[in-house]
Structure formats: structure tokens, C-alpha cells
């Protein structure tokens, strides 16, 4: 009997290392797929269209909103981000757990539409690491870094609404925590009660 995959929503401030942790989870588990978001921001060095994001212009993005093609969408530091619905649900029906890398507004939208979604918030153990990592990228202006840090403070205030908090001081340890969460969620009694229903009493 094929089990449906889980819908895993991962959030955390810019600089928390979400992408690195998610990549390690996916490398270790072939039954985990990544939900590729659409965004209007420019690609960063090394990012690949269709793998990291679908890079689109504002007019195209707004057309997706109009056509209800997104599971969630939000603006972050001046750019649109959103999650196309169809590929995600096709993977879940096929038995793959799907990881969504979205900010806190998007996570709240997904939880509202999909109460079964599992929400994971990733942070370093020390907030000062956020600024250190952002500066280490050498991709943003001082103004943008300041905006990202201010946004991170607001995001931290939302973390207690999540189901789990993963500490990312070491990506391998954080990835192991995330894999353990996915495994535990798939073993919930409410998720596997169909096996009990097969027993004749």
C-alpha cells in the first residue's frame, strides 16, 4: 500500500542555512522532493532555473496569482515568492514527501489551506550568526542586509507557532534532525490508522 508523502514547510530567516540543510536531507532520502518556488528576484551566483527557483517577471507572477495557481505567495524584501500547487500535490500523491522552503507569511497560508502540513523553523543557536552569514555571502548591499536582519527579528517572533525548531550550527546535524521529524510524522497513528482498519475484530 503506497502511503502519501508529507507536506513539510521549512522557514527561517535569510542566513539560517535552510538551503544547505534541505539539500542534505534530499541527498540522503530519495523519497523527499523539493517544491521549486517561483520568484521575481534575480538569480544568485550558482542558482539554476528550475532547480533552485523558477525565475519569472512580475507580470507573469501576478498572472499566476490571478489564476489561483499558487498554494501560497508573499512579498519579501521587495520581491514576490510563491509555490506552484500542481507539482507539489502530484509528488505527495505519488508517495514523496515534499519540502517547501517558504517564509513565515507563506507558511501560515499553507497551514491554513493544508492543516496537515508540518512546519519546521530553522535557526542558528545564536542570532548574531545571521548577520555574519549574510555578510559572508557578499551578494547584498548594506541596506539590503539591514532589511534582512530586521525581517529576521520579526520572523523569530513567529517561530513558536511552528511544530518544530531545528538548530543549524552544523548542517549535517540539522539535516539529521529534519529527517527524524519526517520519519516520526509518517509514523503518527492518525497517519497510519488505515492499517488498523484492515484488521477484522
C-alpha atoms as a PDB file:
ATOM      1  CA  UNK A   1       0.000   0.000   0.000  1.00  0.00           C
ATOM      2  CA  UNK A   2       1.528   3.309  -1.088  1.00  0.00           C
ATOM      3  CA  UNK A   3       1.499   5.928   1.633  1.00  0.00           C
ATOM      4  CA  UNK A   4       1.042   9.549   0.694  1.00  0.00           C
ATOM      5  CA  UNK A   5       4.013  11.804   1.258  1.00  0.00           C
ATOM      6  CA  UNK A   6       4.095  14.509   3.915  1.00  0.00           C
ATOM      7  CA  UNK A   7       3.912  18.214   3.250  1.00  0.00           C
ATOM      8  CA  UNK A   8       6.926  19.730   5.031  1.00  0.00           C
ATOM      9  CA  UNK A   9       7.144  23.521   5.312  1.00  0.00           C
ATOM     10  CA  UNK A  10      10.573  24.891   6.193  1.00  0.00           C
ATOM     11  CA  UNK A  11      11.078  28.522   7.192  1.00  0.00           C
ATOM     12  CA  UNK A  12      13.772  30.568   8.822  1.00  0.00           C
ATOM     13  CA  UNK A  13      15.489  33.897   8.392  1.00  0.00           C
ATOM     14  CA  UNK A  14      17.789  34.633   5.493  1.00  0.00           C
ATOM     15  CA  UNK A  15      21.196  33.374   6.603  1.00  0.00           C
ATOM     16  CA  UNK A  16      19.846  30.454   8.640  1.00  0.00           C
ATOM     17  CA  UNK A  17      21.217  27.944   6.116  1.00  0.00           C
ATOM     18  CA  UNK A  18      17.885  26.429   5.042  1.00  0.00           C
ATOM     19  CA  UNK A  19      19.009  25.592   1.507  1.00  0.00           C
ATOM     20  CA  UNK A  20      22.092  23.710   2.693  1.00  0.00           C
ATOM     21  CA  UNK A  21      20.125  21.650   5.209  1.00  0.00           C
ATOM     22  CA  UNK A  22      17.365  20.836   2.723  1.00  0.00           C
ATOM     23  CA  UNK A  23      19.923  19.758   0.099  1.00  0.00           C
ATOM     24  CA  UNK A  24      21.485  17.304   2.564  1.00  0.00           C
ATOM     25  CA  UNK A  25      18.099  15.845   3.504  1.00  0.00           C
ATOM     26  CA  UNK A  26      17.253  15.301  -0.152  1.00  0.00           C
ATOM     27  CA  UNK A  27      20.637  13.762  -0.895  1.00  0.00           C
ATOM     28  CA  UNK A  28      20.048  11.154   1.816  1.00  0.00           C
ATOM     29  CA  UNK A  29      16.380  10.427   1.141  1.00  0.00           C
ATOM     30  CA  UNK A  30      15.148   9.681  -2.404  1.00  0.00           C
ATOM     31  CA  UNK A  31      11.544   9.828  -1.160  1.00  0.00           C
ATOM     32  CA  UNK A  32      11.834  13.561  -0.465  1.00  0.00           C
ATOM     33  CA  UNK A  33      11.197  16.088  -3.230  1.00  0.00           C
ATOM     34  CA  UNK A  34      11.743  19.837  -3.241  1.00  0.00           C
ATOM     35  CA  UNK A  35       8.938  22.203  -4.141  1.00  0.00           C
ATOM     36  CA  UNK A  36      10.556  24.679  -6.528  1.00  0.00           C
ATOM     37  CA  UNK A  37       9.181  28.136  -5.783  1.00  0.00           C
ATOM     38  CA  UNK A  38       8.666  30.926  -8.262  1.00  0.00           C
ATOM     39  CA  UNK A  39      10.252  34.307  -7.571  1.00  0.00           C
ATOM     40  CA  UNK A  40      10.706  37.684  -9.192  1.00  0.00           C
ATOM     41  CA  UNK A  41      14.137  38.212  -7.653  1.00  0.00           C
ATOM     42  CA  UNK A  42      17.287  37.859  -9.733  1.00  0.00           C
ATOM     43  CA  UNK A  43      19.230  34.577  -9.545  1.00  0.00           C
ATOM     44  CA  UNK A  44      22.181  34.461  -7.152  1.00  0.00           C
ATOM     45  CA  UNK A  45      25.522  33.097  -8.285  1.00  0.00           C
ATOM     46  CA  UNK A  46      25.271  29.348  -8.764  1.00  0.00           C
ATOM     47  CA  UNK A  47      21.468  29.206  -8.754  1.00  0.00           C
ATOM     48  CA  UNK A  48      19.870  27.271 -11.608  1.00  0.00           C
ATOM     49  CA  UNK A  49      16.464  27.919 -13.195  1.00  0.00           C
ATOM     50  CA  UNK A  50      14.048  25.108 -12.367  1.00  0.00           C
ATOM     51  CA  UNK A  51      16.279  23.635  -9.674  1.00  0.00           C
ATOM     52  CA  UNK A  52      16.541  26.452  -7.141  1.00  0.00           C
ATOM     53  CA  UNK A  53      13.672  28.661  -8.320  1.00  0.00           C
ATOM     54  CA  UNK A  54      11.527  29.446 -11.317  1.00  0.00           C
ATOM     55  CA  UNK A  55      12.723  32.978 -12.075  1.00  0.00           C
ATOM     56  CA  UNK A  56       9.852  35.000 -13.563  1.00  0.00           C
ATOM     57  CA  UNK A  57       8.933  38.646 -14.050  1.00  0.00           C
ATOM     58  CA  UNK A  58       6.272  40.455 -12.026  1.00  0.00           C
ATOM     59  CA  UNK A  59       3.644  40.305 -14.759  1.00  0.00           C
ATOM     60  CA  UNK A  60       3.958  36.507 -15.057  1.00  0.00           C
ATOM     61  CA  UNK A  61       3.859  36.073 -11.271  1.00  0.00           C
ATOM     62  CA  UNK A  62       0.776  38.250 -10.913  1.00  0.00           C
ATOM     63  CA  UNK A  63      -0.922  36.180 -13.626  1.00  0.00           C
ATOM     64  CA  UNK A  64      -0.261  33.028 -11.545  1.00  0.00           C
ATOM     65  CA  UNK A  65      -1.879  34.727  -8.545  1.00  0.00           C
ATOM     66  CA  UNK A  66      -4.874  35.714 -10.673  1.00  0.00           C
ATOM     67  CA  UNK A  67      -5.286  32.144 -11.955  1.00  0.00           C
ATOM     68  CA  UNK A  68      -5.055  30.619  -8.426  1.00  0.00           C
ATOM     69  CA  UNK A  69      -2.036  28.526  -9.457  1.00  0.00           C
ATOM     70  CA  UNK A  70      -0.146  29.137  -6.201  1.00  0.00           C
ATOM     71  CA  UNK A  71      -0.508  27.387  -2.866  1.00  0.00           C
ATOM     72  CA  UNK A  72       0.915  30.489  -1.195  1.00  0.00           C
ATOM     73  CA  UNK A  73       2.636  33.706  -2.150  1.00  0.00           C
ATOM     74  CA  UNK A  74       4.137  36.710  -0.424  1.00  0.00           C
ATOM     75  CA  UNK A  75       6.444  39.653  -0.951  1.00  0.00           C
ATOM     76  CA  UNK A  76       9.813  39.579   0.769  1.00  0.00           C
ATOM     77  CA  UNK A  77      12.323  42.444   0.605  1.00  0.00           C
ATOM     78  CA  UNK A  78      10.564  43.829  -2.457  1.00  0.00           C
ATOM     79  CA  UNK A  79      10.249  40.600  -4.458  1.00  0.00           C
ATOM     80  CA  UNK A  80       7.449  38.084  -4.948  1.00  0.00           C
ATOM     81  CA  UNK A  81       7.854  34.444  -3.865  1.00  0.00           C
ATOM     82  CA  UNK A  82       5.250  31.717  -4.333  1.00  0.00           C
ATOM     83  CA  UNK A  83       4.634  27.967  -4.507  1.00  0.00           C
ATOM     84  CA  UNK A  84       3.013  26.351  -7.578  1.00  0.00           C
ATOM     85  CA  UNK A  85       0.328  23.883  -6.415  1.00  0.00           C
ATOM     86  CA  UNK A  86       0.178  21.169  -9.043  1.00  0.00           C
ATOM     87  CA  UNK A  87       3.715  19.643  -8.943  1.00  0.00           C
ATOM     88  CA  UNK A  88       3.699  19.509  -5.135  1.00  0.00           C
ATOM     89  CA  UNK A  89       0.435  17.610  -4.838  1.00  0.00           C
ATOM     90  CA  UNK A  90       1.388  15.218  -7.635  1.00  0.00           C
ATOM     91  CA  UNK A  91       4.524  14.253  -5.685  1.00  0.00           C
ATOM     92  CA  UNK A  92       2.619  13.833  -2.409  1.00  0.00           C
ATOM     93  CA  UNK A  93       0.048  11.552  -4.060  1.00  0.00           C
ATOM     94  CA  UNK A  94       2.933   9.507  -5.509  1.00  0.00           C
ATOM     95  CA  UNK A  95       4.339   8.914  -2.010  1.00  0.00           C
ATOM     96  CA  UNK A  96       7.067  11.534  -1.896  1.00  0.00           C
ATOM     97  CA  UNK A  97       7.295  13.975   0.993  1.00  0.00           C
ATOM     98  CA  UNK A  98       7.634  17.487  -0.381  1.00  0.00           C
ATOM     99  CA  UNK A  99       9.731  20.176   1.283  1.00  0.00           C
ATOM    100  CA  UNK A 100       8.575  23.761   0.856  1.00  0.00           C
ATOM    101  CA  UNK A 101      11.156  26.475   1.568  1.00  0.00           C
ATOM    102  CA  UNK A 102       8.933  29.474   2.331  1.00  0.00           C
ATOM    103  CA  UNK A 103       8.949  32.500   4.617  1.00  0.00           C
ATOM    104  CA  UNK A 104       6.582  32.869   7.585  1.00  0.00           C
ATOM    105  CA  UNK A 105       3.714  34.509   5.679  1.00  0.00           C
ATOM    106  CA  UNK A 106       3.701  31.698   3.136  1.00  0.00           C
ATOM    107  CA  UNK A 107       3.912  29.061   5.857  1.00  0.00           C
ATOM    108  CA  UNK A 108       0.814  30.489   7.539  1.00  0.00           C
ATOM    109  CA  UNK A 109      -1.058  30.423   4.205  1.00  0.00           C
ATOM    110  CA  UNK A 110      -0.114  26.791   3.579  1.00  0.00           C
ATOM    111  CA  UNK A 111      -1.109  25.733   7.117  1.00  0.00           C
ATOM    112  CA  UNK A 112      -4.478  27.410   6.652  1.00  0.00           C
ATOM    113  CA  UNK A 113      -5.128  25.588   3.370  1.00  0.00           C
ATOM    114  CA  UNK A 114      -3.437  22.332   4.419  1.00  0.00           C
ATOM    115  CA  UNK A 115      -3.793  21.771   8.205  1.00  0.00           C
ATOM    116  CA  UNK A 116      -1.838  18.516   7.910  1.00  0.00           C
ATOM    117  CA  UNK A 117       1.310  20.430   6.868  1.00  0.00           C
ATOM    118  CA  UNK A 118       4.297  20.028   9.187  1.00  0.00           C
ATOM    119  CA  UNK A 119       6.032  23.347   9.959  1.00  0.00           C
ATOM    120  CA  UNK A 120       9.766  23.437  10.739  1.00  0.00           C
ATOM    121  CA  UNK A 121      11.650  26.623  11.657  1.00  0.00           C
ATOM    122  CA  UNK A 122      15.448  26.639  11.150  1.00  0.00           C
ATOM    123  CA  UNK A 123      17.758  28.972  13.084  1.00  0.00           C
ATOM    124  CA  UNK A 124      21.346  29.059  14.317  1.00  0.00           C
ATOM    125  CA  UNK A 125      21.756  28.820  18.090  1.00  0.00           C
ATOM    126  CA  UNK A 126      22.948  32.450  18.202  1.00  0.00           C
ATOM    127  CA  UNK A 127      21.156  35.256  16.353  1.00  0.00           C
ATOM    128  CA  UNK A 128      24.484  37.007  15.676  1.00  0.00           C
ATOM    129  CA  UNK A 129      25.268  34.219  13.186  1.00  0.00           C
ATOM    130  CA  UNK A 130      22.510  35.550  10.910  1.00  0.00           C
ATOM    131  CA  UNK A 131      24.335  38.819  10.239  1.00  0.00           C
ATOM    132  CA  UNK A 132      27.681  37.040   9.970  1.00  0.00           C
ATOM    133  CA  UNK A 133      26.352  34.647   7.313  1.00  0.00           C
ATOM    134  CA  UNK A 134      24.598  37.399   5.366  1.00  0.00           C
ATOM    135  CA  UNK A 135      27.783  39.427   5.180  1.00  0.00           C
ATOM    136  CA  UNK A 136      29.751  36.337   4.216  1.00  0.00           C
ATOM    137  CA  UNK A 137      27.657  35.921   1.062  1.00  0.00           C
ATOM    138  CA  UNK A 138      28.939  39.204  -0.424  1.00  0.00           C
ATOM    139  CA  UNK A 139      25.764  39.417  -2.512  1.00  0.00           C
ATOM    140  CA  UNK A 140      23.726  42.170  -0.830  1.00  0.00           C
ATOM    141  CA  UNK A 141      24.143  45.879  -0.202  1.00  0.00           C
ATOM    142  CA  UNK A 142      24.357  47.238   3.355  1.00  0.00           C
ATOM    143  CA  UNK A 143      20.789  48.477   3.024  1.00  0.00           C
ATOM    144  CA  UNK A 144      19.517  45.044   1.977  1.00  0.00           C
ATOM    145  CA  UNK A 145      21.444  43.320   4.769  1.00  0.00           C
ATOM    146  CA  UNK A 146      19.874  45.701   7.303  1.00  0.00           C
ATOM    147  CA  UNK A 147      16.417  44.942   5.902  1.00  0.00           C
ATOM    148  CA  UNK A 148      17.064  41.202   6.065  1.00  0.00           C
ATOM    149  CA  UNK A 149      18.202  41.441   9.698  1.00  0.00           C
ATOM    150  CA  UNK A 150      15.105  43.439  10.646  1.00  0.00           C
ATOM    151  CA  UNK A 151      12.939  40.893   8.829  1.00  0.00           C
ATOM    152  CA  UNK A 152      14.731  38.078  10.695  1.00  0.00           C
ATOM    153  CA  UNK A 153      13.796  39.650  14.045  1.00  0.00           C
ATOM    154  CA  UNK A 154      10.127  39.657  13.047  1.00  0.00           C
ATOM    155  CA  UNK A 155      10.367  36.066  11.807  1.00  0.00           C
ATOM    156  CA  UNK A 156      11.851  34.882  15.120  1.00  0.00           C
ATOM    157  CA  UNK A 157       8.719  36.191  16.834  1.00  0.00           C
ATOM    158  CA  UNK A 158       6.664  33.744  14.735  1.00  0.00           C
ATOM    159  CA  UNK A 159       8.779  30.645  15.452  1.00  0.00           C
ATOM    160  CA  UNK A 160       6.702  29.440  18.400  1.00  0.00           C
ATOM    161  CA  UNK A 161       3.764  28.858  16.037  1.00  0.00           C
ATOM    162  CA  UNK A 162       5.772  26.164  14.231  1.00  0.00           C
ATOM    163  CA  UNK A 163       5.646  22.460  15.049  1.00  0.00           C
ATOM    164  CA  UNK A 164       9.425  22.063  15.311  1.00  0.00           C
ATOM    165  CA  UNK A 165      12.554  24.197  15.652  1.00  0.00           C
ATOM    166  CA  UNK A 166      15.781  22.832  14.145  1.00  0.00           C
ATOM    167  CA  UNK A 167      19.092  24.367  15.228  1.00  0.00           C
ATOM    168  CA  UNK A 168      21.529  24.748  12.350  1.00  0.00           C
ATOM    169  CA  UNK A 169      25.017  25.227  13.730  1.00  0.00           C
ATOM    170  CA  UNK A 170      26.119  22.126  11.823  1.00  0.00           C
ATOM    171  CA  UNK A 171      24.256  21.287   8.577  1.00  0.00           C
ATOM    172  CA  UNK A 172      24.673  17.520   8.980  1.00  0.00           C
ATOM    173  CA  UNK A 173      23.208  17.556  12.491  1.00  0.00           C
ATOM    174  CA  UNK A 174      20.370  19.825  11.366  1.00  0.00           C
ATOM    175  CA  UNK A 175      19.647  17.558   8.376  1.00  0.00           C
ATOM    176  CA  UNK A 176      19.514  14.518  10.672  1.00  0.00           C
ATOM    177  CA  UNK A 177      17.011  16.321  12.895  1.00  0.00           C
ATOM    178  CA  UNK A 178      14.841  17.151   9.896  1.00  0.00           C
ATOM    179  CA  UNK A 179      14.950  13.550   8.623  1.00  0.00           C
ATOM    180  CA  UNK A 180      13.944  12.334  12.086  1.00  0.00           C
ATOM    181  CA  UNK A 181      10.972  14.720  12.086  1.00  0.00           C
ATOM    182  CA  UNK A 182       9.784  13.468   8.683  1.00  0.00           C
ATOM    183  CA  UNK A 183      10.091   9.839   9.801  1.00  0.00           C
ATOM    184  CA  UNK A 184       8.219  10.499  13.055  1.00  0.00           C
ATOM    185  CA  UNK A 185       5.429  12.335  11.239  1.00  0.00           C
ATOM    186  CA  UNK A 186       4.949   9.408   8.856  1.00  0.00           C
ATOM    187  CA  UNK A 187       4.600   7.087  11.869  1.00  0.00           C
ATOM    188  CA  UNK A 188       1.800   9.053  13.561  1.00  0.00           C
ATOM    189  CA  UNK A 189      -1.162   6.852  14.497  1.00  0.00           C
ATOM    190  CA  UNK A 190      -3.534   9.239  12.726  1.00  0.00           C
ATOM    191  CA  UNK A 191      -1.467   8.855   9.551  1.00  0.00           C
ATOM    192  CA  UNK A 192      -1.315   5.047   9.667  1.00  0.00           C
ATOM    193  CA  UNK A 193      -4.743   4.193  11.053  1.00  0.00           C
ATOM    194  CA  UNK A 194      -5.662   2.719   7.658  1.00  0.00           C
ATOM    195  CA  UNK A 195      -3.512  -0.289   8.583  1.00  0.00           C
ATOM    196  CA  UNK A 196      -5.639  -0.796  11.707  1.00  0.00           C
ATOM    197  CA  UNK A 197      -8.812  -0.681   9.649  1.00  0.00           C
ATOM    198  CA  UNK A 198      -7.668  -3.774   7.749  1.00  0.00           C
ATOM    199  CA  UNK A 199      -7.859  -5.900  10.901  1.00  0.00           C
ATOM    200  CA  UNK A 200     -11.073  -7.847  11.394  1.00  0.00           C
ATOM    201  CA  UNK A 201     -12.046  -7.904  15.060  1.00  0.00           C
END
